[in-house]
C-alpha atoms as a PDB file:
ATOM      1  CA  MET A   1      29.165   0.030 -22.208  1.00  0.00           C
ATOM      2  CA  SER A   2      29.106   3.809 -21.655  1.00  0.00           C
ATOM      3  CA  LEU A   3      25.355   3.855 -22.260  1.00  0.00           C
ATOM      4  CA  LEU A   4      24.891   1.553 -19.258  1.00  0.00           C
ATOM      5  CA  GLN A   5      26.083   4.323 -16.944  1.00  0.00           C
ATOM      6  CA  ASN A   6      22.591   5.807 -17.149  1.00  0.00           C
ATOM      7  CA  PHE A   7      20.875   2.521 -16.308  1.00  0.00           C
ATOM      8  CA  ASP A   8      19.647   2.077 -12.749  1.00  0.00           C
ATOM      9  CA  ASN A   9      17.169  -0.272 -11.054  1.00  0.00           C
ATOM     10  CA  PHE A  10      16.851  -2.083 -14.353  1.00  0.00           C
ATOM     11  CA  VAL A  11      15.837  -5.640 -15.260  1.00  0.00           C
ATOM     12  CA  VAL A  12      18.268  -8.023 -16.957  1.00  0.00           C
ATOM     13  CA  ILE A  13      16.801 -10.591 -19.358  1.00  0.00           C
ATOM     14  CA  VAL A  14      18.982 -13.616 -20.163  1.00  0.00           C
ATOM     15  CA  GLY A  15      17.869 -15.254 -23.396  1.00  0.00           C
ATOM     16  CA  TRP A  16      15.462 -13.945 -25.999  1.00  0.00           C
ATOM     17  CA  ASP A  17      12.247 -15.113 -27.643  1.00  0.00           C
ATOM     18  CA  LYS A  18       8.794 -13.701 -28.388  1.00  0.00           C
ATOM     19  CA  PHE A  19       7.733 -13.928 -24.759  1.00  0.00           C
ATOM     20  CA  ALA A  20      10.821 -12.005 -23.616  1.00  0.00           C
ATOM     21  CA  ASP A  21       9.974  -9.404 -26.247  1.00  0.00           C
ATOM     22  CA  LEU A  22       6.446  -9.051 -24.825  1.00  0.00           C
ATOM     23  CA  VAL A  23       7.786  -8.790 -21.270  1.00  0.00           C
ATOM     24  CA  THR A  24      10.192  -6.070 -22.388  1.00  0.00           C
ATOM     25  CA  GLU A  25       7.362  -4.110 -24.000  1.00  0.00           C
ATOM     26  CA  GLN A  26       5.454  -4.190 -20.717  1.00  0.00           C
ATOM     27  CA  LEU A  27       8.513  -3.109 -18.735  1.00  0.00           C
ATOM     28  CA  VAL A  28       9.190  -0.213 -21.102  1.00  0.00           C
ATOM     29  CA  CYS A  29       5.566   0.916 -20.742  1.00  0.00           C
ATOM     30  CA  THR A  30       6.157   1.271 -17.001  1.00  0.00           C
ATOM     31  CA  HIS A  31       9.457   3.139 -17.579  1.00  0.00           C
ATOM     32  CA  ARG A  32      11.592   0.225 -16.401  1.00  0.00           C
ATOM     33  CA  GLN A  33      14.961  -0.052 -18.166  1.00  0.00           C
ATOM     34  CA  VAL A  34      16.005  -3.410 -19.623  1.00  0.00           C
ATOM     35  CA  ILE A  35      19.338  -5.000 -20.502  1.00  0.00           C
ATOM     36  CA  ALA A  36      18.910  -8.060 -22.730  1.00  0.00           C
ATOM     37  CA  LEU A  37      21.716 -10.616 -22.885  1.00  0.00           C
ATOM     38  CA  VAL A  38      21.502 -12.640 -26.100  1.00  0.00           C
ATOM     39  CA  ASP A  39      23.815 -15.121 -27.837  1.00  0.00           C
ATOM     40  CA  ASP A  40      23.191 -13.942 -31.393  1.00  0.00           C
ATOM     41  CA  GLN A  41      24.542 -10.652 -32.780  1.00  0.00           C
ATOM     42  CA  GLN A  42      21.703 -10.300 -35.287  1.00  0.00           C
ATOM     43  CA  VAL A  43      19.131 -10.701 -32.521  1.00  0.00           C
ATOM     44  CA  ALA A  44      20.942  -8.065 -30.457  1.00  0.00           C
ATOM     45  CA  GLU A  45      20.967  -5.666 -33.406  1.00  0.00           C
ATOM     46  CA  ARG A  46      17.267  -6.249 -34.049  1.00  0.00           C
ATOM     47  CA  ILE A  47      16.393  -5.527 -30.404  1.00  0.00           C
ATOM     48  CA  ASN A  48      18.515  -2.380 -30.348  1.00  0.00           C
ATOM     49  CA  ALA A  49      16.970  -1.131 -33.587  1.00  0.00           C
ATOM     50  CA  ALA A  50      13.473  -1.556 -32.146  1.00  0.00           C
ATOM     51  CA  HIS A  51      14.050   0.336 -28.891  1.00  0.00           C
ATOM     52  CA  ASP A  52      15.368   3.609 -27.533  1.00  0.00           C
ATOM     53  CA  ASN A  53      18.832   2.861 -26.116  1.00  0.00           C
ATOM     54  CA  ARG A  54      17.971   4.920 -23.058  1.00  0.00           C
ATOM     55  CA  GLN A  55      15.398   2.260 -22.190  1.00  0.00           C
ATOM     56  CA  VAL A  56      16.575  -1.025 -23.702  1.00  0.00           C
ATOM     57  CA  ILE A  57      20.057  -2.262 -24.592  1.00  0.00           C
ATOM     58  CA  ALA A  58      20.798  -5.715 -26.008  1.00  0.00           C
ATOM     59  CA  LEU A  59      24.282  -7.172 -25.621  1.00  0.00           C
ATOM     60  CA  ARG A  60      25.678 -10.187 -27.427  1.00  0.00           C
ATOM     61  CA  VAL A  61      27.378 -12.274 -24.720  1.00  0.00           C
ATOM     62  CA  ASP A  62      28.221 -15.817 -23.769  1.00  0.00           C
ATOM     63  CA  TYR A  63      25.722 -16.528 -20.990  1.00  0.00           C
ATOM     64  CA  LEU A  64      28.178 -18.826 -19.212  1.00  0.00           C
ATOM     65  CA  ASN A  65      31.021 -16.324 -19.205  1.00  0.00           C
ATOM     66  CA  PHE A  66      30.233 -15.035 -15.738  1.00  0.00           C
ATOM     67  CA  GLU A  67      33.534 -13.176 -15.515  1.00  0.00           C
ATOM     68  CA  LYS A  68      32.370 -11.002 -18.395  1.00  0.00           C
ATOM     69  CA  ILE A  69      28.855 -10.671 -16.980  1.00  0.00           C
ATOM     70  CA  LYS A  70      30.422  -9.504 -13.711  1.00  0.00           C
ATOM     71  CA  LYS A  71      31.606  -6.411 -15.575  1.00  0.00           C
ATOM     72  CA  LEU A  72      28.011  -5.344 -16.053  1.00  0.00           C
ATOM     73  CA  PRO A  73      26.569  -2.981 -13.399  1.00  0.00           C
ATOM     74  CA  LEU A  74      24.384  -5.707 -11.895  1.00  0.00           C
ATOM     75  CA  ASP A  75      24.834  -4.136  -8.465  1.00  0.00           C
ATOM     76  CA  ARG A  76      22.372  -1.503  -9.744  1.00  0.00           C
ATOM     77  CA  ALA A  77      19.938  -4.065 -11.210  1.00  0.00           C
ATOM     78  CA  PHE A  78      16.484  -4.610  -9.795  1.00  0.00           C
ATOM     79  CA  GLY A  79      16.518  -8.267 -10.765  1.00  0.00           C
ATOM     80  CA  ILE A  80      17.334 -10.760 -13.472  1.00  0.00           C
ATOM     81  CA  TYR A  81      14.908 -12.810 -15.577  1.00  0.00           C
ATOM     82  CA  ILE A  82      16.263 -16.173 -16.770  1.00  0.00           C
ATOM     83  CA  ASN A  83      14.633 -16.934 -20.109  1.00  0.00           C
ATOM     84  CA  LEU A  84      16.640 -19.955 -21.273  1.00  0.00           C
ATOM     85  CA  GLU A  85      15.012 -22.741 -23.261  1.00  0.00           C
ATOM     86  CA  SER A  86      14.360 -25.532 -20.733  1.00  0.00           C
ATOM     87  CA  ASP A  87      13.732 -25.920 -17.000  1.00  0.00           C
ATOM     88  CA  ARG A  88      16.981 -27.886 -16.737  1.00  0.00           C
ATOM     89  CA  ASP A  89      19.000 -25.142 -18.452  1.00  0.00           C
ATOM     90  CA  ARG A  90      17.439 -22.477 -16.281  1.00  0.00           C
ATOM     91  CA  LEU A  91      17.968 -24.366 -13.024  1.00  0.00           C
ATOM     92  CA  ILE A  92      21.634 -25.111 -13.773  1.00  0.00           C
ATOM     93  CA  TYR A  93      22.187 -21.498 -14.812  1.00  0.00           C
ATOM     94  CA  ILE A  94      20.605 -20.191 -11.624  1.00  0.00           C
ATOM     95  CA  PHE A  95      22.871 -22.321  -9.433  1.00  0.00           C
ATOM     96  CA  LYS A  96      25.931 -20.992 -11.248  1.00  0.00           C
ATOM     97  CA  LEU A  97      24.673 -17.420 -11.324  1.00  0.00           C
ATOM     98  CA  ARG A  98      24.025 -17.405  -7.587  1.00  0.00           C
ATOM     99  CA  LYS A  99      27.722 -18.090  -6.894  1.00  0.00           C
ATOM    100  CA  TYR A 100      28.648 -14.825  -8.581  1.00  0.00           C
ATOM    101  CA  PHE A 101      25.629 -12.755  -7.550  1.00  0.00           C
ATOM    102  CA  PRO A 102      24.396 -13.964  -4.142  1.00  0.00           C
ATOM    103  CA  GLN A 103      22.050 -11.022  -3.542  1.00  0.00           C
ATOM    104  CA  ILE A 104      20.297 -10.353  -6.830  1.00  0.00           C
ATOM    105  CA  SER A 105      16.627 -11.306  -7.165  1.00  0.00           C
ATOM    106  CA  ILE A 106      15.990 -13.904  -9.867  1.00  0.00           C
ATOM    107  CA  ILE A 107      12.775 -14.564 -11.780  1.00  0.00           C
ATOM    108  CA  SER A 108      12.488 -17.763 -13.782  1.00  0.00           C
ATOM    109  CA  PRO A 109       9.641 -19.412 -15.696  1.00  0.00           C
ATOM    110  CA  VAL A 110       8.960 -23.030 -14.738  1.00  0.00           C
ATOM    111  CA  LEU A 111       7.185 -25.323 -17.199  1.00  0.00           C
ATOM    112  CA  ASN A 112       7.207 -28.421 -14.987  1.00  0.00           C
ATOM    113  CA  PRO A 113       5.266 -27.625 -11.773  1.00  0.00           C
ATOM    114  CA  LYS A 114       7.118 -30.444  -9.967  1.00  0.00           C
ATOM    115  CA  LEU A 115      10.322 -28.431 -10.280  1.00  0.00           C
ATOM    116  CA  LYS A 116       8.980 -25.285  -8.617  1.00  0.00           C
ATOM    117  CA  GLU A 117      10.275 -26.419  -5.233  1.00  0.00           C
ATOM    118  CA  SER A 118      13.757 -27.009  -6.677  1.00  0.00           C
ATOM    119  CA  PHE A 119      13.806 -23.468  -8.074  1.00  0.00           C
ATOM    120  CA  SER A 120      12.512 -21.999  -4.806  1.00  0.00           C
ATOM    121  CA  LEU A 121      15.289 -23.548  -2.737  1.00  0.00           C
ATOM    122  CA  GLN A 122      17.559 -20.790  -3.961  1.00  0.00           C
ATOM    123  CA  ARG A 123      17.216 -17.551  -1.994  1.00  0.00           C
ATOM    124  CA  LYS A 124      15.325 -14.718  -3.698  1.00  0.00           C
ATOM    125  CA  ILE A 125      14.147 -16.977  -6.517  1.00  0.00           C
ATOM    126  CA  PHE A 126      10.595 -16.330  -7.711  1.00  0.00           C
ATOM    127  CA  PRO A 127       9.542 -19.196 -10.005  1.00  0.00           C
ATOM    128  CA  LEU A 128       6.542 -18.580 -12.238  1.00  0.00           C
ATOM    129  CA  SER A 129       4.657 -20.723 -14.707  1.00  0.00           C
ATOM    130  CA  ARG A 130       5.046 -18.856 -17.990  1.00  0.00           C
ATOM    131  CA  ASP A 131       2.219 -20.808 -19.608  1.00  0.00           C
ATOM    132  CA  ALA A 132      -0.272 -19.804 -16.911  1.00  0.00           C
ATOM    133  CA  ILE A 133       0.058 -16.025 -17.040  1.00  0.00           C
ATOM    134  CA  SER A 134       0.354 -13.213 -19.515  1.00  0.00           C
ATOM    135  CA  ALA A 135       3.494 -11.251 -20.300  1.00  0.00           C
ATOM    136  CA  LYS A 136       1.939  -8.245 -18.569  1.00  0.00           C
ATOM    137  CA  ILE A 137       1.566 -10.094 -15.273  1.00  0.00           C
ATOM    138  CA  PHE A 138       4.976 -11.703 -15.665  1.00  0.00           C
ATOM    139  CA  ALA A 139       6.524  -8.286 -16.164  1.00  0.00           C
ATOM    140  CA  GLY A 140       4.584  -6.979 -13.196  1.00  0.00           C
ATOM    141  CA  HIS A 141       5.991  -9.742 -11.024  1.00  0.00           C
ATOM    142  CA  LEU A 142       9.489  -8.400 -11.652  1.00  0.00           C
ATOM    143  CA  PHE A 143       8.851  -5.179  -9.747  1.00  0.00           C
ATOM    144  CA  LYS A 144       5.421  -5.383  -8.069  1.00  0.00           C
ATOM    145  CA  LYS A 145       5.353  -8.993  -6.951  1.00  0.00           C
ATOM    146  CA  ASP A 146       2.299  -8.960  -4.671  1.00  0.00           C
ATOM    147  CA  VAL A 147       0.103  -7.280  -7.283  1.00  0.00           C
ATOM    148  CA  ALA A 148       1.122  -9.815  -9.920  1.00  0.00           C
ATOM    149  CA  ILE A 149       0.534 -12.764  -7.585  1.00  0.00           C
ATOM    150  CA  PHE A 150      -2.918 -11.376  -6.760  1.00  0.00           C
ATOM    151  CA  LEU A 151      -3.793 -10.972 -10.448  1.00  0.00           C
ATOM    152  CA  ASN A 152      -2.546 -14.460 -11.227  1.00  0.00           C
ATOM    153  CA  GLN A 153      -4.725 -15.921  -8.474  1.00  0.00           C
ATOM    154  CA  LEU A 154      -7.770 -14.027  -9.750  1.00  0.00           C
ATOM    155  CA  LEU A 155      -7.227 -15.469 -13.220  1.00  0.00           C
ATOM    156  CA  SER A 156      -6.909 -19.020 -11.878  1.00  0.00           C
ATOM    157  CA  PRO A 157      -9.975 -21.230 -11.328  1.00  0.00           C
ATOM    158  CA  SER A 158     -11.292 -21.365  -7.769  1.00  0.00           C
ATOM    159  CA  THR A 159     -10.695 -24.624  -5.929  1.00  0.00           C
ATOM    160  CA  ASP A 160     -12.442 -23.877  -2.621  1.00  0.00           C
ATOM    161  CA  GLU A 161     -14.825 -21.353  -1.049  1.00  0.00           C
ATOM    162  CA  ASN A 162     -12.002 -19.092   0.128  1.00  0.00           C
ATOM    163  CA  ASP A 163     -10.526 -18.584  -3.354  1.00  0.00           C
ATOM    164  CA  HIS A 164     -11.386 -15.331  -5.120  1.00  0.00           C
ATOM    165  CA  GLU A 165     -12.047 -14.745  -8.783  1.00  0.00           C
ATOM    166  CA  ILE A 166     -13.669 -12.177 -11.071  1.00  0.00           C
ATOM    167  CA  ARG A 167     -17.139 -13.019 -12.365  1.00  0.00           C
ATOM    168  CA  GLN A 168     -19.877 -11.262 -14.300  1.00  0.00           C
ATOM    169  CA  TYR A 169     -23.630 -11.652 -13.920  1.00  0.00           C
ATOM    170  CA  LEU A 170     -26.380 -10.614 -16.317  1.00  0.00           C
ATOM    171  CA  VAL A 171     -28.915  -8.267 -14.714  1.00  0.00           C
ATOM    172  CA  LEU A 172     -32.415  -9.753 -15.042  1.00  0.00           C
ATOM    173  CA  PRO A 173     -35.589  -7.790 -14.176  1.00  0.00           C
ATOM    174  CA  GLU A 174     -35.851  -9.689 -10.868  1.00  0.00           C
ATOM    175  CA  ASN A 175     -32.282  -8.823  -9.857  1.00  0.00           C
ATOM    176  CA  PRO A 176     -32.503  -6.885  -6.546  1.00  0.00           C
ATOM    177  CA  PHE A 177     -30.059  -4.291  -7.895  1.00  0.00           C
ATOM    178  CA  CYS A 178     -31.924  -3.670 -11.150  1.00  0.00           C
ATOM    179  CA  ASN A 179     -32.786   0.066 -11.399  1.00  0.00           C
ATOM    180  CA  GLU A 180     -30.518   0.892  -8.439  1.00  0.00           C
ATOM    181  CA  MET A 181     -27.485   3.154  -8.453  1.00  0.00           C
ATOM    182  CA  TYR A 182     -24.038   1.592  -8.816  1.00  0.00           C
ATOM    183  CA  GLY A 183     -22.772   3.164  -5.581  1.00  0.00           C
ATOM    184  CA  ASP A 184     -25.669   1.745  -3.548  1.00  0.00           C
ATOM    185  CA  ALA A 185     -25.155  -1.701  -5.074  1.00  0.00           C
ATOM    186  CA  PHE A 186     -21.431  -1.547  -4.278  1.00  0.00           C
ATOM    187  CA  VAL A 187     -22.115  -0.970  -0.574  1.00  0.00           C
ATOM    188  CA  LYS A 188     -24.830  -3.640  -0.306  1.00  0.00           C
ATOM    189  CA  LEU A 189     -22.824  -6.290  -2.161  1.00  0.00           C
ATOM    190  CA  LYS A 190     -19.817  -5.768   0.088  1.00  0.00           C
ATOM    191  CA  LYS A 191     -21.897  -5.706   3.276  1.00  0.00           C
ATOM    192  CA  ASP A 192     -24.259  -8.597   2.526  1.00  0.00           C
ATOM    193  CA  TYR A 193     -22.164 -10.883   0.322  1.00  0.00           C
ATOM    194  CA  GLN A 194     -18.508  -9.945   0.821  1.00  0.00           C
ATOM    195  CA  ALA A 195     -18.429  -9.326  -2.939  1.00  0.00           C
ATOM    196  CA  VAL A 196     -16.672  -6.312  -4.441  1.00  0.00           C
ATOM    197  CA  LEU A 197     -18.323  -4.657  -7.436  1.00  0.00           C
ATOM    198  CA  ILE A 198     -15.521  -3.508  -9.759  1.00  0.00           C
ATOM    199  CA  GLY A 199     -17.338  -2.607 -12.958  1.00  0.00           C
ATOM    200  CA  ILE A 200     -20.419  -2.754 -15.111  1.00  0.00           C
ATOM    201  CA  SER A 201     -20.960  -3.590 -18.758  1.00  0.00           C
ATOM    202  CA  LYS A 202     -23.781  -1.315 -19.917  1.00  0.00           C
ATOM    203  CA  GLN A 203     -26.084  -2.458 -22.693  1.00  0.00           C
ATOM    204  CA  THR A 204     -25.964  -0.063 -25.656  1.00  0.00           C
ATOM    205  CA  ALA A 205     -28.726   1.027 -28.038  1.00  0.00           C
ATOM    206  CA  GLN A 206     -27.036  -0.981 -30.785  1.00  0.00           C
ATOM    207  CA  GLY A 207     -27.371  -4.185 -28.776  1.00  0.00           C
ATOM    208  CA  GLY A 208     -23.756  -4.385 -27.684  1.00  0.00           C
ATOM    209  CA  HIS A 209     -22.152  -3.564 -24.337  1.00  0.00           C
ATOM    210  CA  ASP A 210     -19.921  -0.761 -23.069  1.00  0.00           C
ATOM    211  CA  LEU A 211     -17.482  -1.816 -20.340  1.00  0.00           C
ATOM    212  CA  ARG A 212     -17.113   0.745 -17.533  1.00  0.00           C
ATOM    213  CA  LYS A 213     -14.453   0.074 -14.921  1.00  0.00           C
ATOM    214  CA  ASN A 214     -15.260   1.529 -11.492  1.00  0.00           C
ATOM    215  CA  PRO A 215     -17.910   3.947 -12.859  1.00  0.00           C
ATOM    216  CA  MET A 216     -19.560   6.869 -11.065  1.00  0.00           C
ATOM    217  CA  ASP A 217     -21.798   6.024  -8.102  1.00  0.00           C
ATOM    218  CA  GLU A 218     -24.769   7.554  -9.965  1.00  0.00           C
ATOM    219  CA  THR A 219     -24.544   5.014 -12.811  1.00  0.00           C
ATOM    220  CA  LEU A 220     -27.933   3.309 -13.126  1.00  0.00           C
ATOM    221  CA  ILE A 221     -27.973  -0.494 -13.206  1.00  0.00           C
ATOM    222  CA  GLN A 222     -30.514  -1.662 -15.793  1.00  0.00           C
ATOM    223  CA  LYS A 223     -31.901  -4.849 -17.254  1.00  0.00           C
ATOM    224  CA  GLY A 224     -29.444  -6.380 -19.715  1.00  0.00           C
ATOM    225  CA  ASP A 225     -26.345  -4.912 -18.058  1.00  0.00           C
ATOM    226  CA  TYR A 226     -23.614  -7.120 -16.611  1.00  0.00           C
ATOM    227  CA  LEU A 227     -22.287  -6.637 -13.082  1.00  0.00           C
ATOM    228  CA  ILE A 228     -18.592  -7.476 -12.787  1.00  0.00           C
ATOM    229  CA  MET A 229     -17.337  -8.311  -9.329  1.00  0.00           C
ATOM    230  CA  LEU A 230     -14.705  -9.970  -7.193  1.00  0.00           C
ATOM    231  CA  VAL A 231     -16.225 -12.929  -5.348  1.00  0.00           C
ATOM    232  CA  ASN A 232     -15.206 -15.981  -3.351  1.00  0.00           C
ATOM    233  CA  GLY A 233     -16.752 -19.441  -3.642  1.00  0.00           C
ATOM    234  CA  LYS A 234     -19.464 -18.842  -1.050  1.00  0.00           C
ATOM    235  CA  SER A 235     -20.490 -15.406  -2.303  1.00  0.00           C
ATOM    236  CA  ALA A 236     -20.633 -16.729  -5.871  1.00  0.00           C
ATOM    237  CA  LYS A 237     -23.139 -19.415  -4.861  1.00  0.00           C
ATOM    238  CA  ASP A 238     -25.244 -16.927  -2.873  1.00  0.00           C
ATOM    239  CA  LEU A 239     -25.263 -14.394  -5.715  1.00  0.00           C
ATOM    240  CA  GLU A 240     -26.304 -16.943  -8.321  1.00  0.00           C
ATOM    241  CA  LYS A 241     -29.265 -17.846  -6.128  1.00  0.00           C
ATOM    242  CA  GLU A 242     -30.124 -14.203  -5.440  1.00  0.00           C
ATOM    243  CA  PHE A 243     -29.712 -13.046  -9.076  1.00  0.00           C
ATOM    244  CA  GLY A 244     -31.462 -16.072 -10.561  1.00  0.00           C
ATOM    245  CA  VAL A 245     -28.717 -16.503 -13.120  1.00  0.00           C
ATOM    246  CA  GLY A 246     -25.349 -18.224 -13.397  1.00  0.00           C
ATOM    247  CA  GLU A 247     -22.009 -16.631 -14.079  1.00  0.00           C
ATOM    248  CA  GLY A 248     -21.694 -15.018 -17.498  1.00  0.00           C
ATOM    249  CA  ALA A 249     -25.221 -16.031 -18.532  1.00  0.00           C
END
């Protein structure tokens, strides 16, 4: 327990599987400390062997022994991620956990979308569909919630003209931005279509493509390149008409 003295603003993960492992990797990459609570000593030893104990510590505990969990420095925790096996197990655990820790933020995956409302009834609960998003976004939601929600929405299919998503369009010779500079296209697309140009995939001499995220303004847009942009439903329809090509074609 002495090692935990150096842990602050950390994330607690209750329960362990491959997804929890991926989430932990993402958290470590952003210098976020993690305490994993697992019910198997061998699993705890494997986690500890794989990580620097200044970043990740796995403890073998009985999840339901809240008196023992109370001895952990959860007053310094950023939040707790409930990674138990089923929605039912997670929901019951959250209700019990909240009695002991009324203030801590709780993240929980929800497999059944009908149960999201039940999870959200508890204060500071942020239910997420684990199947719908990557471990990177899930990890991001633990400490940069709005960014993760935004990314999740961008990766979800649009359902109306106000929804935004990321699309790419092949540059044909008749494209109005063919042979124009990237910076000029960025301004015109935002002004005329409310579309945000975020990158370009440049055609290479070998016939492949080189992805360039937010390139220099002087980058020349040429036939065969792909323009990658953030669009809503209306701008997507207008751009397809203007470019003479559908998304990803």
